[in-house]
C-alpha atoms as a PDB file:
ATOM      1  CA  MET A   1       0.000   0.000   0.000  1.00  0.00           C
ATOM      2  CA  SER A   2       1.220   3.488  -0.795  1.00  0.00           C
ATOM      3  CA  LEU A   3      -0.125   6.738   0.580  1.00  0.00           C
ATOM      4  CA  ALA A   4      -1.421   9.287  -1.904  1.00  0.00           C
ATOM      5  CA  ARG A   5       0.333  12.082  -0.016  1.00  0.00           C
ATOM      6  CA  GLY A   6       3.791  12.344   1.468  1.00  0.00           C
ATOM      7  CA  LEU A   7       5.183  14.481   4.271  1.00  0.00           C
ATOM      8  CA  VAL A   8       7.825  16.770   2.791  1.00  0.00           C
ATOM      9  CA  HIS A   9      10.619  18.658   4.551  1.00  0.00           C
ATOM     10  CA  ARG A  10      12.105  21.676   2.839  1.00  0.00           C
ATOM     11  CA  LEU A  11      15.901  21.731   2.747  1.00  0.00           C
ATOM     12  CA  ALA A  12      17.482  25.168   3.075  1.00  0.00           C
ATOM     13  CA  SER A  13      20.991  26.526   2.914  1.00  0.00           C
ATOM     14  CA  ARG A  14      22.836  26.820   6.226  1.00  0.00           C
ATOM     15  CA  SER A  15      22.448  30.612   6.174  1.00  0.00           C
ATOM     16  CA  ASN A  16      18.675  30.157   6.698  1.00  0.00           C
ATOM     17  CA  ARG A  17      19.263  28.624  10.126  1.00  0.00           C
ATOM     18  CA  ASP A  18      19.882  31.932  11.907  1.00  0.00           C
ATOM     19  CA  GLY A  19      17.227  32.519  14.546  1.00  0.00           C
ATOM     20  CA  GLU A  20      15.620  29.110  14.056  1.00  0.00           C
ATOM     21  CA  ASP A  21      15.217  26.635  16.930  1.00  0.00           C
ATOM     22  CA  ARG A  22      18.014  24.133  16.404  1.00  0.00           C
ATOM     23  CA  ASN A  23      15.883  21.342  17.884  1.00  0.00           C
ATOM     24  CA  LEU A  24      13.579  21.785  14.903  1.00  0.00           C
ATOM     25  CA  THR A  25      16.173  22.615  12.252  1.00  0.00           C
ATOM     26  CA  PRO A  26      19.009  20.072  12.352  1.00  0.00           C
ATOM     27  CA  LEU A  27      21.711  19.917   9.731  1.00  0.00           C
ATOM     28  CA  ILE A  28      21.661  16.938   7.390  1.00  0.00           C
ATOM     29  CA  GLU A  29      23.985  15.948   4.572  1.00  0.00           C
ATOM     30  CA  PHE A  30      22.775  15.531   1.021  1.00  0.00           C
ATOM     31  CA  ASP A  31      24.954  15.109  -2.042  1.00  0.00           C
ATOM     32  CA  GLY A  32      28.053  16.164  -0.085  1.00  0.00           C
ATOM     33  CA  GLU A  33      26.526  19.413   1.213  1.00  0.00           C
ATOM     34  CA  ALA A  34      25.062  20.341   4.611  1.00  0.00           C
ATOM     35  CA  TYR A  35      21.482  21.600   4.580  1.00  0.00           C
ATOM     36  CA  VAL A  36      19.042  22.775   7.234  1.00  0.00           C
ATOM     37  CA  LEU A  37      16.005  20.533   7.623  1.00  0.00           C
ATOM     38  CA  MET A  38      13.148  23.037   7.966  1.00  0.00           C
ATOM     39  CA  THR A  39      10.779  21.051  10.200  1.00  0.00           C
ATOM     40  CA  PRO A  40       8.567  24.102  10.958  1.00  0.00           C
ATOM     41  CA  GLN A  41       7.705  24.119   7.248  1.00  0.00           C
ATOM     42  CA  LEU A  42       6.577  20.480   6.939  1.00  0.00           C
ATOM     43  CA  ALA A  43       3.938  20.021   4.264  1.00  0.00           C
ATOM     44  CA  GLY A  44       1.718  17.252   3.013  1.00  0.00           C
ATOM     45  CA  VAL A  45       2.169  16.991  -0.744  1.00  0.00           C
ATOM     46  CA  ALA A  46       0.379  14.763  -3.231  1.00  0.00           C
ATOM     47  CA  ARG A  47       2.855  12.212  -4.569  1.00  0.00           C
ATOM     48  CA  LYS A  48       1.738  13.006  -8.112  1.00  0.00           C
ATOM     49  CA  ASP A  49       2.924  16.604  -7.567  1.00  0.00           C
ATOM     50  CA  LEU A  50       6.433  15.614  -6.507  1.00  0.00           C
ATOM     51  CA  GLY A  51       9.195  15.783  -9.075  1.00  0.00           C
ATOM     52  CA  VAL A  52      11.879  13.261  -9.883  1.00  0.00           C
ATOM     53  CA  LEU A  53      13.573  11.645  -6.879  1.00  0.00           C
ATOM     54  CA  ALA A  54      16.860  13.494  -6.319  1.00  0.00           C
ATOM     55  CA  GLY A  55      18.342  11.013  -3.852  1.00  0.00           C
ATOM     56  CA  SER A  56      17.905   9.585  -0.378  1.00  0.00           C
ATOM     57  CA  VAL A  57      18.731  10.628   3.163  1.00  0.00           C
ATOM     58  CA  ALA A  58      17.311   7.427   4.685  1.00  0.00           C
ATOM     59  CA  GLU A  59      20.532   6.779   6.607  1.00  0.00           C
ATOM     60  CA  GLN A  60      19.848  10.018   8.531  1.00  0.00           C
ATOM     61  CA  ARG A  61      16.392   8.888   9.638  1.00  0.00           C
ATOM     62  CA  GLN A  62      16.953   9.651  13.338  1.00  0.00           C
ATOM     63  CA  SER A  63      18.014  13.221  12.531  1.00  0.00           C
ATOM     64  CA  ILE A  64      14.852  13.615  10.448  1.00  0.00           C
ATOM     65  CA  VAL A  65      12.359  12.036  12.870  1.00  0.00           C
ATOM     66  CA  ALA A  66      13.716  13.585  16.107  1.00  0.00           C
ATOM     67  CA  PRO A  67      12.581  17.143  15.253  1.00  0.00           C
ATOM     68  CA  ILE A  68       9.090  15.845  14.411  1.00  0.00           C
ATOM     69  CA  ASP A  69       8.967  14.135  17.818  1.00  0.00           C
ATOM     70  CA  PHE A  70      10.114  17.400  19.400  1.00  0.00           C
ATOM     71  CA  LEU A  71       7.440  19.333  17.508  1.00  0.00           C
ATOM     72  CA  ILE A  72       4.719  16.983  18.778  1.00  0.00           C
ATOM     73  CA  ALA A  73       5.941  16.212  22.307  1.00  0.00           C
ATOM     74  CA  GLY A  74       8.107  19.230  23.134  1.00  0.00           C
ATOM     75  CA  PHE A  75      11.123  17.091  24.025  1.00  0.00           C
ATOM     76  CA  TYR A  76      13.421  14.480  22.533  1.00  0.00           C
ATOM     77  CA  ASP A  77      13.289  10.847  23.560  1.00  0.00           C
ATOM     78  CA  GLU A  78      17.023  10.248  23.785  1.00  0.00           C
ATOM     79  CA  THR A  79      16.548   6.512  24.401  1.00  0.00           C
ATOM     80  CA  THR A  80      15.688   5.783  20.746  1.00  0.00           C
END
């Protein structure tokens, strides 16, 4: 089964991190560059509206999921 919509994080240049809560905007690596994961700007997007897959950051799953947990719960669960 596949969902019709996906949850999308915007990636921003490091200069966009100024003033942002670092719990919600961790740095992740993609294609050899560091980017800010803009969790406050999460969006549900129809899969049909997404472009061509540019790559994967699956190996950084914990860095991606932790800010979502923080957004929902207000704290990190450091045991996972």
